[in-house]
Amino acid sequence: MKRLSILWSSSFLFSFSIKFFDYGFVHLELFIFHVFLFRALDVSHSSVAFVLLVLDFGL
């Protein structure tokens, strides 16, 4: 399950960094910070992760 979580976060990091490149590096850094935060806290609930990602790019 942890390997799936790491794979999920790395694939989303790649897709969001390309898709939202115009938003600037502040949003990308927030996203990277939350990805590492999810991994450090071992958050496995994808709905919580998705909500925070939407909030990151909605700022």
PDB file of N, CA and C in Angstrom:
ATOM      1  N   MET A   1       0.832  -1.205   0.000  1.00  0.00           N
ATOM      2  CA  MET A   1       0.000   0.000   0.000  1.00  0.00           C
ATOM      3  C   MET A   1       0.870   1.259   0.000  1.00  0.00           C
ATOM      4  N   LYS A   2       1.969   1.187   0.735  1.00  0.00           N
ATOM      5  CA  LYS A   2       2.857   2.345   0.791  1.00  0.00           C
ATOM      6  C   LYS A   2       3.505   2.591  -0.565  1.00  0.00           C
ATOM      7  N   ARG A   3       3.850   1.509  -1.259  1.00  0.00           N
ATOM      8  CA  ARG A   3       4.445   1.648  -2.589  1.00  0.00           C
ATOM      9  C   ARG A   3       3.451   2.270  -3.560  1.00  0.00           C
ATOM     10  N   LEU A   4       2.185   1.908  -3.437  1.00  0.00           N
ATOM     11  CA  LEU A   4       1.137   2.497  -4.270  1.00  0.00           C
ATOM     12  C   LEU A   4       0.992   3.987  -3.979  1.00  0.00           C
ATOM     13  N   SER A   5       1.101   4.359  -2.714  1.00  0.00           N
ATOM     14  CA  SER A   5       1.007   5.764  -2.334  1.00  0.00           C
ATOM     15  C   SER A   5       2.159   6.563  -2.911  1.00  0.00           C
ATOM     16  N   ILE A   6       3.361   6.010  -2.875  1.00  0.00           N
ATOM     17  CA  ILE A   6       4.531   6.702  -3.437  1.00  0.00           C
ATOM     18  C   ILE A   6       4.381   6.828  -4.943  1.00  0.00           C
ATOM     19  N   LEU A   7       3.911   5.783  -5.586  1.00  0.00           N
ATOM     20  CA  LEU A   7       3.694   5.827  -7.032  1.00  0.00           C
ATOM     21  C   LEU A   7       2.635   6.846  -7.389  1.00  0.00           C
ATOM     22  N   TRP A   8       1.557   6.917  -6.607  1.00  0.00           N
ATOM     23  CA  TRP A   8       0.481   7.879  -6.835  1.00  0.00           C
ATOM     24  C   TRP A   8       1.000   9.298  -6.721  1.00  0.00           C
ATOM     25  N   SER A   9       1.775   9.584  -5.676  1.00  0.00           N
ATOM     26  CA  SER A   9       2.257  10.937  -5.455  1.00  0.00           C
ATOM     27  C   SER A   9       3.252  11.351  -6.524  1.00  0.00           C
ATOM     28  N   SER A  10       4.124  10.449  -6.952  1.00  0.00           N
ATOM     29  CA  SER A  10       5.112  10.809  -7.962  1.00  0.00           C
ATOM     30  C   SER A  10       4.455  11.012  -9.325  1.00  0.00           C
ATOM     31  N   SER A  11       3.440  10.215  -9.657  1.00  0.00           N
ATOM     32  CA  SER A  11       2.765  10.390 -10.943  1.00  0.00           C
ATOM     33  C   SER A  11       1.968  11.689 -10.977  1.00  0.00           C
ATOM     34  N   PHE A  12       1.323  12.043  -9.849  1.00  0.00           N
ATOM     35  CA  PHE A  12       0.594  13.295  -9.800  1.00  0.00           C
ATOM     36  C   PHE A  12       1.526  14.491  -9.812  1.00  0.00           C
ATOM     37  N   LEU A  13       2.686  14.338  -9.184  1.00  0.00           N
ATOM     38  CA  LEU A  13       3.671  15.417  -9.203  1.00  0.00           C
ATOM     39  C   LEU A  13       4.081  15.715 -10.629  1.00  0.00           C
ATOM     40  N   PHE A  14       4.307  14.670 -11.422  1.00  0.00           N
ATOM     41  CA  PHE A  14       4.711  14.851 -12.808  1.00  0.00           C
ATOM     42  C   PHE A  14       3.598  15.493 -13.628  1.00  0.00           C
ATOM     43  N   SER A  15       2.369  14.995 -13.501  1.00  0.00           N
ATOM     44  CA  SER A  15       1.269  15.505 -14.320  1.00  0.00           C
ATOM     45  C   SER A  15       0.875  16.927 -13.925  1.00  0.00           C
ATOM     46  N   PHE A  16       0.826  17.219 -12.611  1.00  0.00           N
ATOM     47  CA  PHE A  16       0.441  18.546 -12.169  1.00  0.00           C
ATOM     48  C   PHE A  16       1.523  19.576 -12.475  1.00  0.00           C
ATOM     49  N   SER A  17       2.799  19.172 -12.418  1.00  0.00           N
ATOM     50  CA  SER A  17       3.864  20.124 -12.693  1.00  0.00           C
ATOM     51  C   SER A  17       3.829  20.549 -14.160  1.00  0.00           C
ATOM     52  N   ILE A  18       3.410  19.664 -15.038  1.00  0.00           N
ATOM     53  CA  ILE A  18       3.281  20.028 -16.454  1.00  0.00           C
ATOM     54  C   ILE A  18       1.992  20.808 -16.690  1.00  0.00           C
ATOM     55  N   LYS A  19       0.890  20.329 -16.137  1.00  0.00           N
ATOM     56  CA  LYS A  19      -0.421  20.923 -16.413  1.00  0.00           C
ATOM     57  C   LYS A  19      -0.555  22.321 -15.828  1.00  0.00           C
ATOM     58  N   PHE A  20      -0.006  22.535 -14.642  1.00  0.00           N
ATOM     59  CA  PHE A  20      -0.169  23.809 -13.951  1.00  0.00           C
ATOM     60  C   PHE A  20       1.124  24.619 -13.926  1.00  0.00           C
ATOM     61  N   PHE A  21       1.941  24.455 -14.961  1.00  0.00           N
ATOM     62  CA  PHE A  21       3.227  25.160 -14.992  1.00  0.00           C
ATOM     63  C   PHE A  21       3.026  26.667 -15.016  1.00  0.00           C
ATOM     64  N   ASP A  22       1.953  27.128 -15.648  1.00  0.00           N
ATOM     65  CA  ASP A  22       1.682  28.561 -15.751  1.00  0.00           C
ATOM     66  C   ASP A  22       1.309  29.186 -14.414  1.00  0.00           C
ATOM     67  N   TYR A  23       0.956  28.393 -13.437  1.00  0.00           N
ATOM     68  CA  TYR A  23       0.572  28.935 -12.133  1.00  0.00           C
ATOM     69  C   TYR A  23       1.766  29.443 -11.340  1.00  0.00           C
ATOM     70  N   GLY A  24       2.972  29.045 -11.727  1.00  0.00           N
ATOM     71  CA  GLY A  24       4.171  29.528 -11.056  1.00  0.00           C
ATOM     72  C   GLY A  24       4.753  28.531 -10.076  1.00  0.00           C
ATOM     73  N   PHE A  25       5.933  28.870  -9.639  1.00  0.00           N
ATOM     74  CA  PHE A  25       6.681  27.941  -8.785  1.00  0.00           C
ATOM     75  C   PHE A  25       6.138  27.895  -7.363  1.00  0.00           C
ATOM     76  N   VAL A  26       5.397  28.913  -6.937  1.00  0.00           N
ATOM     77  CA  VAL A  26       4.849  28.909  -5.572  1.00  0.00           C
ATOM     78  C   VAL A  26       3.890  27.742  -5.404  1.00  0.00           C
ATOM     79  N   HIS A  27       3.023  27.536  -6.380  1.00  0.00           N
ATOM     80  CA  HIS A  27       2.059  26.442  -6.302  1.00  0.00           C
ATOM     81  C   HIS A  27       2.763  25.091  -6.406  1.00  0.00           C
ATOM     82  N   LEU A  28       3.792  25.024  -7.247  1.00  0.00           N
ATOM     83  CA  LEU A  28       4.527  23.772  -7.393  1.00  0.00           C
ATOM     84  C   LEU A  28       5.257  23.431  -6.099  1.00  0.00           C
ATOM     85  N   GLU A  29       5.835  24.440  -5.450  1.00  0.00           N
ATOM     86  CA  GLU A  29       6.519  24.192  -4.185  1.00  0.00           C
ATOM     87  C   GLU A  29       5.532  23.767  -3.097  1.00  0.00           C
ATOM     88  N   LEU A  30       4.341  24.369  -3.074  1.00  0.00           N
ATOM     89  CA  LEU A  30       3.315  23.941  -2.120  1.00  0.00           C
ATOM     90  C   LEU A  30       2.921  22.492  -2.364  1.00  0.00           C
ATOM     91  N   PHE A  31       2.813  22.140  -3.633  1.00  0.00           N
ATOM     92  CA  PHE A  31       2.436  20.771  -3.971  1.00  0.00           C
ATOM     93  C   PHE A  31       3.516  19.782  -3.531  1.00  0.00           C
ATOM     94  N   ILE A  32       4.781  20.125  -3.808  1.00  0.00           N
ATOM     95  CA  ILE A  32       5.885  19.252  -3.412  1.00  0.00           C
ATOM     96  C   ILE A  32       5.930  19.113  -1.893  1.00  0.00           C
ATOM     97  N   PHE A  33       5.708  20.233  -1.199  1.00  0.00           N
ATOM     98  CA  PHE A  33       5.691  20.196   0.261  1.00  0.00           C
ATOM     99  C   PHE A  33       4.602  19.258   0.777  1.00  0.00           C
ATOM    100  N   HIS A  34       3.420  19.314   0.189  1.00  0.00           N
ATOM    101  CA  HIS A  34       2.336  18.445   0.654  1.00  0.00           C
ATOM    102  C   HIS A  34       2.588  16.987   0.295  1.00  0.00           C
ATOM    103  N   VAL A  35       3.230  16.742  -0.843  1.00  0.00           N
ATOM    104  CA  VAL A  35       3.554  15.357  -1.193  1.00  0.00           C
ATOM    105  C   VAL A  35       4.494  14.756  -0.152  1.00  0.00           C
ATOM    106  N   PHE A  36       5.516  15.529   0.221  1.00  0.00           N
ATOM    107  CA  PHE A  36       6.435  15.007   1.235  1.00  0.00           C
ATOM    108  C   PHE A  36       5.766  14.927   2.607  1.00  0.00           C
ATOM    109  N   LEU A  37       4.844  15.843   2.861  1.00  0.00           N
ATOM    110  CA  LEU A  37       4.100  15.790   4.121  1.00  0.00           C
ATOM    111  C   LEU A  37       3.230  14.544   4.181  1.00  0.00           C
ATOM    112  N   PHE A  38       2.561  14.206   3.075  1.00  0.00           N
ATOM    113  CA  PHE A  38       1.741  12.995   3.029  1.00  0.00           C
ATOM    114  C   PHE A  38       2.595  11.760   3.286  1.00  0.00           C
ATOM    115  N   ARG A  39       3.785  11.744   2.675  1.00  0.00           N
ATOM    116  CA  ARG A  39       4.655  10.579   2.837  1.00  0.00           C
ATOM    117  C   ARG A  39       5.191  10.491   4.264  1.00  0.00           C
ATOM    118  N   ALA A  40       5.490  11.642   4.866  1.00  0.00           N
ATOM    119  CA  ALA A  40       6.017  11.635   6.230  1.00  0.00           C
ATOM    120  C   ALA A  40       4.941  11.198   7.232  1.00  0.00           C
ATOM    121  N   LEU A  41       3.722  11.650   7.021  1.00  0.00           N
ATOM    122  CA  LEU A  41       2.629  11.296   7.923  1.00  0.00           C
ATOM    123  C   LEU A  41       1.970   9.975   7.550  1.00  0.00           C
ATOM    124  N   ASP A  42       2.390   9.402   6.409  1.00  0.00           N
ATOM    125  CA  ASP A  42       1.839   8.135   5.918  1.00  0.00           C
ATOM    126  C   ASP A  42       0.331   8.257   5.696  1.00  0.00           C
ATOM    127  N   VAL A  43      -0.065   9.313   5.033  1.00  0.00           N
ATOM    128  CA  VAL A  43      -1.476   9.531   4.720  1.00  0.00           C
ATOM    129  C   VAL A  43      -1.856   8.649   3.538  1.00  0.00           C
ATOM    130  N   SER A  44      -2.809   7.784   3.760  1.00  0.00           N
ATOM    131  CA  SER A  44      -3.216   6.872   2.694  1.00  0.00           C
ATOM    132  C   SER A  44      -4.600   7.200   2.143  1.00  0.00           C
ATOM    133  N   HIS A  45      -5.232   8.229   2.671  1.00  0.00           N
ATOM    134  CA  HIS A  45      -6.556   8.591   2.186  1.00  0.00           C
ATOM    135  C   HIS A  45      -6.411   9.546   0.999  1.00  0.00           C
ATOM    136  N   SER A  46      -6.723   9.063  -0.174  1.00  0.00           N
ATOM    137  CA  SER A  46      -6.533   9.872  -1.370  1.00  0.00           C
ATOM    138  C   SER A  46      -7.495  11.056  -1.428  1.00  0.00           C
ATOM    139  N   SER A  47      -8.644  10.955  -0.767  1.00  0.00           N
ATOM    140  CA  SER A  47      -9.591  12.077  -0.790  1.00  0.00           C
ATOM    141  C   SER A  47      -9.038  13.288  -0.045  1.00  0.00           C
ATOM    142  N   VAL A  48      -8.361  13.036   1.088  1.00  0.00           N
ATOM    143  CA  VAL A  48      -7.745  14.137   1.832  1.00  0.00           C
ATOM    144  C   VAL A  48      -6.642  14.766   1.002  1.00  0.00           C
ATOM    145  N   ALA A  49      -5.847  13.935   0.358  1.00  0.00           N
ATOM    146  CA  ALA A  49      -4.762  14.432  -0.482  1.00  0.00           C
ATOM    147  C   ALA A  49      -5.318  15.253  -1.638  1.00  0.00           C
ATOM    148  N   PHE A  50      -6.382  14.773  -2.255  1.00  0.00           N
ATOM    149  CA  PHE A  50      -6.956  15.474  -3.397  1.00  0.00           C
ATOM    150  C   PHE A  50      -7.515  16.835  -3.002  1.00  0.00           C
ATOM    151  N   VAL A  51      -8.170  16.916  -1.861  1.00  0.00           N
ATOM    152  CA  VAL A  51      -8.723  18.189  -1.388  1.00  0.00           C
ATOM    153  C   VAL A  51      -7.602  19.196  -1.160  1.00  0.00           C
ATOM    154  N   LEU A  52      -6.507  18.765  -0.543  1.00  0.00           N
ATOM    155  CA  LEU A  52      -5.402  19.684  -0.308  1.00  0.00           C
ATOM    156  C   LEU A  52      -4.732  20.108  -1.612  1.00  0.00           C
ATOM    157  N   LEU A  53      -4.676  19.217  -2.576  1.00  0.00           N
ATOM    158  CA  LEU A  53      -4.106  19.581  -3.871  1.00  0.00           C
ATOM    159  C   LEU A  53      -4.970  20.619  -4.574  1.00  0.00           C
ATOM    160  N   VAL A  54      -6.272  20.445  -4.498  1.00  0.00           N
ATOM    161  CA  VAL A  54      -7.178  21.428  -5.100  1.00  0.00           C
ATOM    162  C   VAL A  54      -7.018  22.782  -4.417  1.00  0.00           C
ATOM    163  N   LEU A  55      -6.864  22.764  -3.095  1.00  0.00           N
ATOM    164  CA  LEU A  55      -6.651  24.012  -2.371  1.00  0.00           C
ATOM    165  C   LEU A  55      -5.327  24.655  -2.744  1.00  0.00           C
ATOM    166  N   ASP A  56      -4.300  23.850  -2.955  1.00  0.00           N
ATOM    167  CA  ASP A  56      -2.996  24.385  -3.355  1.00  0.00           C
ATOM    168  C   ASP A  56      -3.101  25.145  -4.659  1.00  0.00           C
ATOM    169  N   PHE A  57      -3.724  24.532  -5.654  1.00  0.00           N
ATOM    170  CA  PHE A  57      -3.785  25.148  -6.975  1.00  0.00           C
ATOM    171  C   PHE A  57      -4.941  26.125  -7.103  1.00  0.00           C
ATOM    172  N   GLY A  58      -5.794  26.184  -6.102  1.00  0.00           N
ATOM    173  CA  GLY A  58      -6.896  27.139  -6.128  1.00  0.00           C
ATOM    174  C   GLY A  58      -6.542  28.478  -5.506  1.00  0.00           C
ATOM    175  N   LEU A  59      -5.362  28.570  -4.887  1.00  0.00           N
ATOM    176  CA  LEU A  59      -4.957  29.816  -4.239  1.00  0.00           C
ATOM    177  C   LEU A  59      -4.743  30.929  -5.251  1.00  0.00           C
TER     178      LEU A  59
END
